[in-house]
Amino acid sequence: MDIPHQNAFSLVVSHQDQVSELPPEGKSLATSDFCPIGMFTVGQHFLGIQGHPEFSRAYSFDLMESRRDRIPPEVISAGQASLSETPDSEEVTRWLLHFIRQAQQPANASTPD
């Protein structure tokens, strides 16, 4: 996958389960301490992403509030505090769209930059 090189990016995350092992022929694209397999591809037609570029900070805050019966208070506090960071949702969405467009191209066609 042709993703512009970027050393770090931020996304809102919310998950109980996560991919813990790359599938055969999987290639890791992003990792974090909390989520060792944050983004990955399998070939040119499958992209897995653990974060949620579609989540707004307000939605994530409310989601955590609604799960107070299942999430320890210190985890909610840390999660809500992390929402002060601006996520790179638009940039990651552009990467996703680029991946989809690239996957739709015939194998011998090149995509414009």
Protein backbone atom coordinates (compact mmCIF):
# COMPACT_ATOMS: atom_id res chain seq x y z
CA MET A 1 0.00 0.00 0.00
CA ASP A 2 1.25 3.43 -0.89
CA ILE A 3 0.74 5.45 2.29
CA PRO A 4 2.80 8.60 2.63
CA HIS A 5 5.50 8.04 5.22
CA GLN A 6 4.57 9.55 8.56
CA ASN A 7 6.32 8.68 11.80
CA ALA A 8 3.23 9.09 13.97
CA PHE A 9 -0.47 9.77 13.76
CA SER A 10 -3.29 9.91 16.24
CA LEU A 11 -6.74 8.35 16.06
CA VAL A 12 -9.60 7.86 18.46
CA VAL A 13 -9.67 4.23 19.56
CA SER A 14 -12.32 2.25 21.36
CA HIS A 15 -12.21 -1.51 21.42
CA GLN A 16 -12.52 -4.48 23.66
CA ASP A 17 -11.04 -6.83 21.08
CA GLN A 18 -8.18 -6.27 18.70
CA VAL A 19 -6.14 -8.12 16.13
CA SER A 20 -3.35 -9.78 18.08
CA GLU A 21 -1.60 -11.64 15.26
CA LEU A 22 -0.98 -10.68 11.65
CA PRO A 23 -2.73 -12.93 9.15
CA PRO A 24 -0.59 -14.89 6.67
CA GLU A 25 1.10 -12.44 4.29
CA GLY A 26 -0.02 -9.52 6.48
CA LYS A 27 2.19 -6.45 6.63
CA SER A 28 2.09 -4.13 9.65
CA LEU A 29 1.74 -0.43 8.84
CA ALA A 30 1.20 1.07 12.29
CA THR A 31 1.69 0.07 15.90
CA SER A 32 1.39 1.48 19.40
CA ASP A 33 2.09 0.30 22.94
CA PHE A 34 -1.62 -0.36 23.47
CA CYS A 35 -2.28 -1.85 20.04
CA PRO A 36 0.70 -3.71 18.53
CA ILE A 37 -1.14 -4.25 15.23
CA GLY A 38 -2.78 -0.87 14.68
CA MET A 39 -3.01 -0.94 10.89
CA PHE A 40 -2.10 -3.65 8.42
CA THR A 41 -2.58 -4.84 4.86
CA VAL A 42 -2.86 -8.23 3.24
CA GLY A 43 -1.86 -7.79 -0.37
CA GLN A 44 -3.32 -4.86 -2.26
CA HIS A 45 -6.99 -5.53 -1.47
CA PHE A 46 -7.35 -5.74 2.32
CA LEU A 47 -6.66 -3.01 4.86
CA GLY A 48 -7.27 -3.47 8.57
CA ILE A 49 -7.32 -0.51 10.94
CA GLN A 50 -7.90 -0.61 14.69
CA GLY A 51 -8.54 3.11 15.24
CA HIS A 52 -11.72 4.97 14.36
CA PRO A 53 -11.24 7.89 11.98
CA GLU A 54 -15.05 8.10 11.82
CA PHE A 55 -15.37 8.84 15.57
CA SER A 56 -15.47 12.45 16.71
CA ARG A 57 -13.97 13.35 20.07
CA ALA A 58 -17.44 14.21 21.41
CA TYR A 59 -18.81 10.82 20.32
CA SER A 60 -15.87 9.03 21.94
CA PHE A 61 -16.34 11.00 25.18
CA ASP A 62 -20.04 10.07 25.29
CA LEU A 63 -19.27 6.45 24.41
CA MET A 64 -16.92 6.22 27.38
CA GLU A 65 -19.57 7.80 29.61
CA SER A 66 -22.11 5.21 28.47
CA ARG A 67 -19.71 2.40 29.40
CA ARG A 68 -18.93 3.49 32.95
CA ASP A 69 -20.47 0.25 34.20
CA ARG A 70 -17.89 -1.78 32.23
CA ILE A 71 -14.76 0.38 32.17
CA PRO A 72 -12.69 1.22 35.28
CA PRO A 73 -12.87 4.93 36.24
CA GLU A 74 -9.10 5.44 35.80
CA VAL A 75 -9.29 4.09 32.24
CA ILE A 76 -12.17 6.44 31.42
CA SER A 77 -10.29 9.39 32.94
CA ALA A 78 -7.18 8.62 30.90
CA GLY A 79 -9.23 8.07 27.76
CA GLN A 80 -11.17 11.31 28.14
CA ALA A 81 -7.96 13.23 28.90
CA SER A 82 -6.44 11.88 25.68
CA LEU A 83 -9.27 13.52 23.74
CA SER A 84 -7.52 16.88 24.18
CA GLU A 85 -5.24 15.76 21.31
CA THR A 86 -6.50 16.45 17.79
CA PRO A 87 -6.79 13.14 15.94
CA ASP A 88 -5.47 12.80 12.37
CA SER A 89 -8.85 11.50 11.17
CA GLU A 90 -8.92 13.46 7.92
CA GLU A 91 -5.42 12.35 6.93
CA VAL A 92 -6.14 8.70 7.74
CA THR A 93 -9.43 8.92 5.81
CA ARG A 94 -7.46 10.17 2.79
CA TRP A 95 -5.14 7.15 3.16
CA LEU A 96 -8.17 4.83 3.26
CA LEU A 97 -9.68 6.40 0.15
CA HIS A 98 -6.34 6.19 -1.63
CA PHE A 99 -6.09 2.50 -0.73
CA ILE A 100 -9.59 1.82 -2.09
CA ARG A 101 -8.90 3.72 -5.33
CA GLN A 102 -5.57 1.94 -5.76
CA ALA A 103 -7.18 -1.46 -5.15
CA GLN A 104 -9.76 -0.75 -7.87
CA GLN A 105 -7.10 -0.10 -10.52
CA PRO A 106 -6.13 -2.90 -12.89
CA ALA A 107 -2.85 -4.53 -11.87
CA ASN A 108 -0.89 -2.93 -14.71
CA ALA A 109 -2.38 0.57 -14.41
CA SER A 110 -0.70 3.35 -12.50
CA THR A 111 -2.60 5.79 -10.31
CA PRO A 112 -2.05 9.53 -10.47
CA ASP A 113 -0.32 11.09 -7.45
